[in-house]
PDB file of N, CA and C in Angstrom:
ATOM      1  N   UNK A   1       0.851  -1.170   0.022  1.00  0.00           N
ATOM      2  CA  UNK A   1      -0.005  -0.008   0.014  1.00  0.00           C
ATOM      3  C   UNK A   1       0.900   1.192   0.014  1.00  0.00           C
ATOM      4  N   UNK A   2       0.505   2.246  -0.732  1.00  0.00           N
ATOM      5  CA  UNK A   2       1.318   3.430  -0.808  1.00  0.00           C
ATOM      6  C   UNK A   2       0.431   4.712  -0.990  1.00  0.00           C
ATOM      7  N   UNK A   3       0.832   5.788  -0.471  1.00  0.00           N
ATOM      8  CA  UNK A   3       0.197   7.097  -0.733  1.00  0.00           C
ATOM      9  C   UNK A   3       1.277   8.220  -0.650  1.00  0.00           C
ATOM     10  N   UNK A   4       0.826   9.405  -0.615  1.00  0.00           N
ATOM     11  CA  UNK A   4       1.810  10.492  -0.648  1.00  0.00           C
ATOM     12  C   UNK A   4       2.629  10.597   0.569  1.00  0.00           C
ATOM     13  N   UNK A   5       2.236   9.915   1.686  1.00  0.00           N
ATOM     14  CA  UNK A   5       3.004   9.914   2.927  1.00  0.00           C
ATOM     15  C   UNK A   5       4.036   8.778   2.968  1.00  0.00           C
ATOM     16  N   UNK A   6       3.912   7.802   2.141  1.00  0.00           N
ATOM     17  CA  UNK A   6       4.918   6.697   2.115  1.00  0.00           C
ATOM     18  C   UNK A   6       4.308   5.406   1.715  1.00  0.00           C
ATOM     19  N   UNK A   7       5.078   4.381   2.028  1.00  0.00           N
ATOM     20  CA  UNK A   7       4.724   2.993   1.631  1.00  0.00           C
ATOM     21  C   UNK A   7       4.734   2.041   2.845  1.00  0.00           C
ATOM     22  N   UNK A   8       3.853   1.137   2.844  1.00  0.00           N
ATOM     23  CA  UNK A   8       3.798   0.148   3.921  1.00  0.00           C
ATOM     24  C   UNK A   8       3.634  -1.217   3.309  1.00  0.00           C
ATOM     25  N   UNK A   9       4.250  -2.260   3.832  1.00  0.00           N
ATOM     26  CA  UNK A   9       4.022  -3.608   3.381  1.00  0.00           C
ATOM     27  C   UNK A   9       3.259  -4.368   4.404  1.00  0.00           C
ATOM     28  N   UNK A  10       2.126  -4.917   4.038  1.00  0.00           N
ATOM     29  CA  UNK A  10       1.258  -5.656   4.948  1.00  0.00           C
ATOM     30  C   UNK A  10       1.105  -7.068   4.555  1.00  0.00           C
ATOM     31  N   UNK A  11       1.400  -7.992   5.401  1.00  0.00           N
ATOM     32  CA  UNK A  11       1.173  -9.386   5.091  1.00  0.00           C
ATOM     33  C   UNK A  11      -0.227  -9.631   4.603  1.00  0.00           C
ATOM     34  N   UNK A  12      -0.436 -10.373   3.526  1.00  0.00           N
ATOM     35  CA  UNK A  12      -1.674 -10.628   2.888  1.00  0.00           C
ATOM     36  C   UNK A  12      -2.703 -11.209   3.957  1.00  0.00           C
ATOM     37  N   UNK A  13      -2.345 -11.969   4.874  1.00  0.00           N
ATOM     38  CA  UNK A  13      -3.272 -12.608   5.838  1.00  0.00           C
ATOM     39  C   UNK A  13      -3.800 -11.518   6.779  1.00  0.00           C
ATOM     40  N   UNK A  14      -3.166 -10.407   6.930  1.00  0.00           N
ATOM     41  CA  UNK A  14      -3.623  -9.360   7.817  1.00  0.00           C
ATOM     42  C   UNK A  14      -4.217  -8.088   7.139  1.00  0.00           C
ATOM     43  N   UNK A  15      -4.308  -8.145   5.756  1.00  0.00           N
ATOM     44  CA  UNK A  15      -4.811  -7.017   5.002  1.00  0.00           C
ATOM     45  C   UNK A  15      -6.183  -6.527   5.394  1.00  0.00           C
ATOM     46  N   UNK A  16      -7.116  -7.436   5.575  1.00  0.00           N
ATOM     47  CA  UNK A  16      -8.408  -7.003   5.940  1.00  0.00           C
ATOM     48  C   UNK A  16      -8.484  -6.336   7.300  1.00  0.00           C
ATOM     49  N   UNK A  17      -7.688  -6.920   8.274  1.00  0.00           N
ATOM     50  CA  UNK A  17      -7.639  -6.333   9.596  1.00  0.00           C
ATOM     51  C   UNK A  17      -7.016  -4.943   9.572  1.00  0.00           C
ATOM     52  N   UNK A  18      -5.948  -4.809   8.774  1.00  0.00           N
ATOM     53  CA  UNK A  18      -5.290  -3.476   8.694  1.00  0.00           C
ATOM     54  C   UNK A  18      -6.170  -2.427   8.059  1.00  0.00           C
ATOM     55  N   UNK A  19      -6.895  -2.832   7.042  1.00  0.00           N
ATOM     56  CA  UNK A  19      -7.824  -1.888   6.380  1.00  0.00           C
ATOM     57  C   UNK A  19      -8.909  -1.483   7.369  1.00  0.00           C
ATOM     58  N   UNK A  20      -9.489  -2.419   8.153  1.00  0.00           N
ATOM     59  CA  UNK A  20     -10.488  -2.056   9.137  1.00  0.00           C
ATOM     60  C   UNK A  20      -9.958  -1.104  10.163  1.00  0.00           C
ATOM     61  N   UNK A  21      -8.732  -1.302  10.610  1.00  0.00           N
ATOM     62  CA  UNK A  21      -8.145  -0.448  11.641  1.00  0.00           C
ATOM     63  C   UNK A  21      -7.920   0.956  10.990  1.00  0.00           C
ATOM     64  N   UNK A  22      -7.518   1.033   9.775  1.00  0.00           N
ATOM     65  CA  UNK A  22      -7.295   2.347   9.029  1.00  0.00           C
ATOM     66  C   UNK A  22      -8.603   3.089   8.947  1.00  0.00           C
ATOM     67  N   UNK A  23      -9.694   2.410   8.560  1.00  0.00           N
ATOM     68  CA  UNK A  23     -10.995   2.957   8.389  1.00  0.00           C
ATOM     69  C   UNK A  23     -11.433   3.544   9.767  1.00  0.00           C
ATOM     70  N   UNK A  24     -11.253   2.740  10.865  1.00  0.00           N
ATOM     71  CA  UNK A  24     -11.626   3.162  12.198  1.00  0.00           C
ATOM     72  C   UNK A  24     -10.891   4.430  12.572  1.00  0.00           C
ATOM     73  N   UNK A  25      -9.533   4.505  12.263  1.00  0.00           N
ATOM     74  CA  UNK A  25      -8.749   5.654  12.593  1.00  0.00           C
ATOM     75  C   UNK A  25      -9.248   6.886  11.787  1.00  0.00           C
ATOM     76  N   UNK A  26      -9.459   6.722  10.508  1.00  0.00           N
ATOM     77  CA  UNK A  26     -10.007   7.776   9.662  1.00  0.00           C
ATOM     78  C   UNK A  26     -11.323   8.392  10.187  1.00  0.00           C
ATOM     79  N   UNK A  27     -12.179   7.434  10.571  1.00  0.00           N
ATOM     80  CA  UNK A  27     -13.485   7.847  11.104  1.00  0.00           C
ATOM     81  C   UNK A  27     -13.297   8.653  12.390  1.00  0.00           C
ATOM     82  N   UNK A  28     -12.399   8.239  13.228  1.00  0.00           N
ATOM     83  CA  UNK A  28     -12.168   8.896  14.533  1.00  0.00           C
ATOM     84  C   UNK A  28     -11.571  10.310  14.247  1.00  0.00           C
ATOM     85  N   UNK A  29     -10.638  10.366  13.280  1.00  0.00           N
ATOM     86  CA  UNK A  29     -10.003  11.649  12.933  1.00  0.00           C
ATOM     87  C   UNK A  29     -11.011  12.562  12.378  1.00  0.00           C
ATOM     88  N   UNK A  30     -11.977  12.051  11.525  1.00  0.00           N
ATOM     89  CA  UNK A  30     -12.998  12.944  10.934  1.00  0.00           C
ATOM     90  C   UNK A  30     -13.949  13.442  12.001  1.00  0.00           C
ATOM     91  N   UNK A  31     -14.246  12.652  13.024  1.00  0.00           N
ATOM     92  CA  UNK A  31     -15.123  13.081  14.150  1.00  0.00           C
ATOM     93  C   UNK A  31     -14.407  14.100  14.942  1.00  0.00           C
ATOM     94  N   UNK A  32     -13.120  13.959  15.209  1.00  0.00           N
ATOM     95  CA  UNK A  32     -12.379  15.007  15.950  1.00  0.00           C
ATOM     96  C   UNK A  32     -12.394  16.318  15.156  1.00  0.00           C
ATOM     97  N   UNK A  33     -12.140  16.272  13.874  1.00  0.00           N
ATOM     98  CA  UNK A  33     -12.145  17.475  13.088  1.00  0.00           C
ATOM     99  C   UNK A  33     -13.615  18.132  13.109  1.00  0.00           C
ATOM    100  N   UNK A  34     -14.609  17.353  13.058  1.00  0.00           N
ATOM    101  CA  UNK A  34     -15.962  17.901  13.142  1.00  0.00           C
ATOM    102  C   UNK A  34     -16.206  18.586  14.457  1.00  0.00           C
ATOM    103  N   UNK A  35     -15.706  18.041  15.530  1.00  0.00           N
ATOM    104  CA  UNK A  35     -15.884  18.606  16.818  1.00  0.00           C
ATOM    105  C   UNK A  35     -15.088  19.924  16.986  1.00  0.00           C
ATOM    106  N   UNK A  36     -13.908  19.922  16.484  1.00  0.00           N
ATOM    107  CA  UNK A  36     -13.020  21.134  16.452  1.00  0.00           C
ATOM    108  C   UNK A  36     -13.714  22.262  15.691  1.00  0.00           C
ATOM    109  N   UNK A  37     -14.286  21.920  14.541  1.00  0.00           N
ATOM    110  CA  UNK A  37     -14.940  22.952  13.713  1.00  0.00           C
ATOM    111  C   UNK A  37     -16.237  23.427  14.426  1.00  0.00           C
ATOM    112  N   UNK A  38     -16.764  22.559  15.269  1.00  0.00           N
ATOM    113  CA  UNK A  38     -18.007  22.985  16.076  1.00  0.00           C
ATOM    114  C   UNK A  38     -17.625  23.858  17.310  1.00  0.00           C
ATOM    115  N   UNK A  39     -16.337  24.094  17.528  1.00  0.00           N
ATOM    116  CA  UNK A  39     -15.950  24.834  18.621  1.00  0.00           C
ATOM    117  C   UNK A  39     -15.363  24.163  19.925  1.00  0.00           C
ATOM    118  N   UNK A  40     -15.292  22.914  19.851  1.00  0.00           N
ATOM    119  CA  UNK A  40     -14.731  22.147  21.014  1.00  0.00           C
ATOM    120  C   UNK A  40     -13.242  22.225  20.985  1.00  0.00           C
ATOM    121  N   UNK A  41     -12.584  22.221  22.137  1.00  0.00           N
ATOM    122  CA  UNK A  41     -11.178  22.234  22.172  1.00  0.00           C
ATOM    123  C   UNK A  41     -10.586  20.812  22.122  1.00  0.00           C
ATOM    124  N   UNK A  42      -9.381  20.691  21.520  1.00  0.00           N
ATOM    125  CA  UNK A  42      -8.724  19.380  21.540  1.00  0.00           C
ATOM    126  C   UNK A  42      -8.553  18.827  22.924  1.00  0.00           C
ATOM    127  N   UNK A  43      -8.279  19.677  23.851  1.00  0.00           N
ATOM    128  CA  UNK A  43      -8.131  19.278  25.308  1.00  0.00           C
ATOM    129  C   UNK A  43      -9.354  18.627  25.765  1.00  0.00           C
ATOM    130  N   UNK A  44     -10.537  19.129  25.523  1.00  0.00           N
ATOM    131  CA  UNK A  44     -11.735  18.563  25.940  1.00  0.00           C
ATOM    132  C   UNK A  44     -12.082  17.298  25.174  1.00  0.00           C
ATOM    133  N   UNK A  45     -11.824  17.294  23.822  1.00  0.00           N
ATOM    134  CA  UNK A  45     -12.177  16.135  23.030  1.00  0.00           C
ATOM    135  C   UNK A  45     -11.366  14.943  23.451  1.00  0.00           C
ATOM    136  N   UNK A  46     -10.131  15.117  23.768  1.00  0.00           N
ATOM    137  CA  UNK A  46      -9.190  14.020  24.115  1.00  0.00           C
ATOM    138  C   UNK A  46      -9.191  13.711  25.589  1.00  0.00           C
ATOM    139  N   UNK A  47      -9.980  14.462  26.339  1.00  0.00           N
ATOM    140  CA  UNK A  47      -9.973  14.222  27.801  1.00  0.00           C
ATOM    141  C   UNK A  47      -8.776  14.716  28.529  1.00  0.00           C
ATOM    142  N   UNK A  48      -8.119  15.681  27.907  1.00  0.00           N
ATOM    143  CA  UNK A  48      -6.815  16.151  28.479  1.00  0.00           C
ATOM    144  C   UNK A  48      -7.003  17.260  29.513  1.00  0.00           C
ATOM    145  N   UNK A  49      -8.119  18.045  29.401  1.00  0.00           N
ATOM    146  CA  UNK A  49      -8.404  19.100  30.337  1.00  0.00           C
ATOM    147  C   UNK A  49      -8.445  18.584  31.734  1.00  0.00           C
ATOM    148  N   UNK A  50      -9.101  17.444  31.973  1.00  0.00           N
ATOM    149  CA  UNK A  50      -9.190  16.869  33.288  1.00  0.00           C
ATOM    150  C   UNK A  50      -7.832  16.426  33.809  1.00  0.00           C
ATOM    151  N   UNK A  51      -7.020  15.831  32.933  1.00  0.00           N
ATOM    152  CA  UNK A  51      -5.692  15.349  33.268  1.00  0.00           C
ATOM    153  C   UNK A  51      -4.810  16.519  33.720  1.00  0.00           C
ATOM    154  N   UNK A  52      -4.850  17.657  32.910  1.00  0.00           N
ATOM    155  CA  UNK A  52      -4.078  18.853  33.325  1.00  0.00           C
ATOM    156  C   UNK A  52      -4.521  19.402  34.645  1.00  0.00           C
ATOM    157  N   UNK A  53      -5.783  19.475  34.895  1.00  0.00           N
ATOM    158  CA  UNK A  53      -6.311  20.009  36.148  1.00  0.00           C
ATOM    159  C   UNK A  53      -5.921  19.188  37.299  1.00  0.00           C
ATOM    160  N   UNK A  54      -5.879  17.809  37.109  1.00  0.00           N
ATOM    161  CA  UNK A  54      -5.448  16.885  38.151  1.00  0.00           C
ATOM    162  C   UNK A  54      -3.980  17.128  38.518  1.00  0.00           C
ATOM    163  N   UNK A  55      -3.153  17.541  37.511  1.00  0.00           N
ATOM    164  CA  UNK A  55      -1.719  17.784  37.721  1.00  0.00           C
ATOM    165  C   UNK A  55      -1.473  19.176  38.248  1.00  0.00           C
ATOM    166  N   UNK A  56      -2.482  19.987  38.499  1.00  0.00           N
ATOM    167  CA  UNK A  56      -2.319  21.310  39.059  1.00  0.00           C
ATOM    168  C   UNK A  56      -2.087  22.360  37.994  1.00  0.00           C
ATOM    169  N   UNK A  57      -2.451  22.091  36.785  1.00  0.00           N
ATOM    170  CA  UNK A  57      -2.362  23.059  35.701  1.00  0.00           C
ATOM    171  C   UNK A  57      -3.763  23.627  35.484  1.00  0.00           C
ATOM    172  N   UNK A  58      -3.870  24.944  35.505  1.00  0.00           N
ATOM    173  CA  UNK A  58      -5.186  25.599  35.318  1.00  0.00           C
ATOM    174  C   UNK A  58      -5.187  26.495  34.137  1.00  0.00           C
ATOM    175  N   UNK A  59      -6.377  26.737  33.600  1.00  0.00           N
ATOM    176  CA  UNK A  59      -6.545  27.707  32.487  1.00  0.00           C
ATOM    177  C   UNK A  59      -6.893  29.066  33.033  1.00  0.00           C
ATOM    178  N   UNK A  60      -6.077  30.011  32.557  1.00  0.00           N
ATOM    179  CA  UNK A  60      -6.319  31.443  32.979  1.00  0.00           C
ATOM    180  C   UNK A  60      -6.348  32.230  31.723  1.00  0.00           C
ATOM    181  N   UNK A  61      -7.596  32.750  31.336  1.00  0.00           N
ATOM    182  CA  UNK A  61      -7.730  33.530  30.156  1.00  0.00           C
ATOM    183  C   UNK A  61      -7.191  32.853  28.908  1.00  0.00           C
ATOM    184  N   UNK A  62      -7.509  31.599  28.745  1.00  0.00           N
ATOM    185  CA  UNK A  62      -7.152  30.832  27.528  1.00  0.00           C
ATOM    186  C   UNK A  62      -5.715  30.336  27.545  1.00  0.00           C
ATOM    187  N   UNK A  63      -4.945  30.539  28.644  1.00  0.00           N
ATOM    188  CA  UNK A  63      -3.594  30.054  28.774  1.00  0.00           C
ATOM    189  C   UNK A  63      -3.471  29.058  29.923  1.00  0.00           C
ATOM    190  N   UNK A  64      -2.766  27.995  29.716  1.00  0.00           N
ATOM    191  CA  UNK A  64      -2.565  26.977  30.831  1.00  0.00           C
ATOM    192  C   UNK A  64      -1.363  27.312  31.580  1.00  0.00           C
ATOM    193  N   UNK A  65      -1.565  27.387  32.918  1.00  0.00           N
ATOM    194  CA  UNK A  65      -0.439  27.721  33.805  1.00  0.00           C
ATOM    195  C   UNK A  65      -0.345  26.659  34.916  1.00  0.00           C
ATOM    196  N   UNK A  66       0.859  26.405  35.408  1.00  0.00           N
ATOM    197  CA  UNK A  66       1.119  25.502  36.523  1.00  0.00           C
ATOM    198  C   UNK A  66       0.764  26.208  37.771  1.00  0.00           C
ATOM    199  N   UNK A  67      -0.337  25.797  38.370  1.00  0.00           N
ATOM    200  CA  UNK A  67      -0.854  26.424  39.589  1.00  0.00           C
ATOM    201  C   UNK A  67       0.147  26.162  40.797  1.00  0.00           C
ATOM    202  N   UNK A  68       0.981  25.186  40.690  1.00  0.00           N
ATOM    203  CA  UNK A  68       1.885  24.863  41.787  1.00  0.00           C
ATOM    204  C   UNK A  68       3.201  25.653  41.746  1.00  0.00           C
ATOM    205  N   UNK A  69       3.463  26.316  40.620  1.00  0.00           N
ATOM    206  CA  UNK A  69       4.707  27.069  40.418  1.00  0.00           C
ATOM    207  C   UNK A  69       4.701  28.322  41.256  1.00  0.00           C
ATOM    208  N   UNK A  70       5.807  28.722  41.718  1.00  0.00           N
ATOM    209  CA  UNK A  70       5.904  29.970  42.463  1.00  0.00           C
ATOM    210  C   UNK A  70       5.719  31.158  41.608  1.00  0.00           C
ATOM    211  N   UNK A  71       5.372  32.285  42.212  1.00  0.00           N
ATOM    212  CA  UNK A  71       5.154  33.485  41.389  1.00  0.00           C
ATOM    213  C   UNK A  71       6.446  34.189  41.103  1.00  0.00           C
TER     214      UNK A  71
END
């Protein structure tokens, strides 16, 4: 298989599986793009906002800051 990004060799016995995984990935990427175009942030879509907040990182006026750092 080849495209403008490169070439990959897939064993024939796994071709169907690999195609299915690629289609799943493309669908997930399409859904992420749709959400971003709808105004959602990548942090929220991927569940990273919660992870950052658990680590003590907070959003202040659209910028993420380490709340545990000294001033």
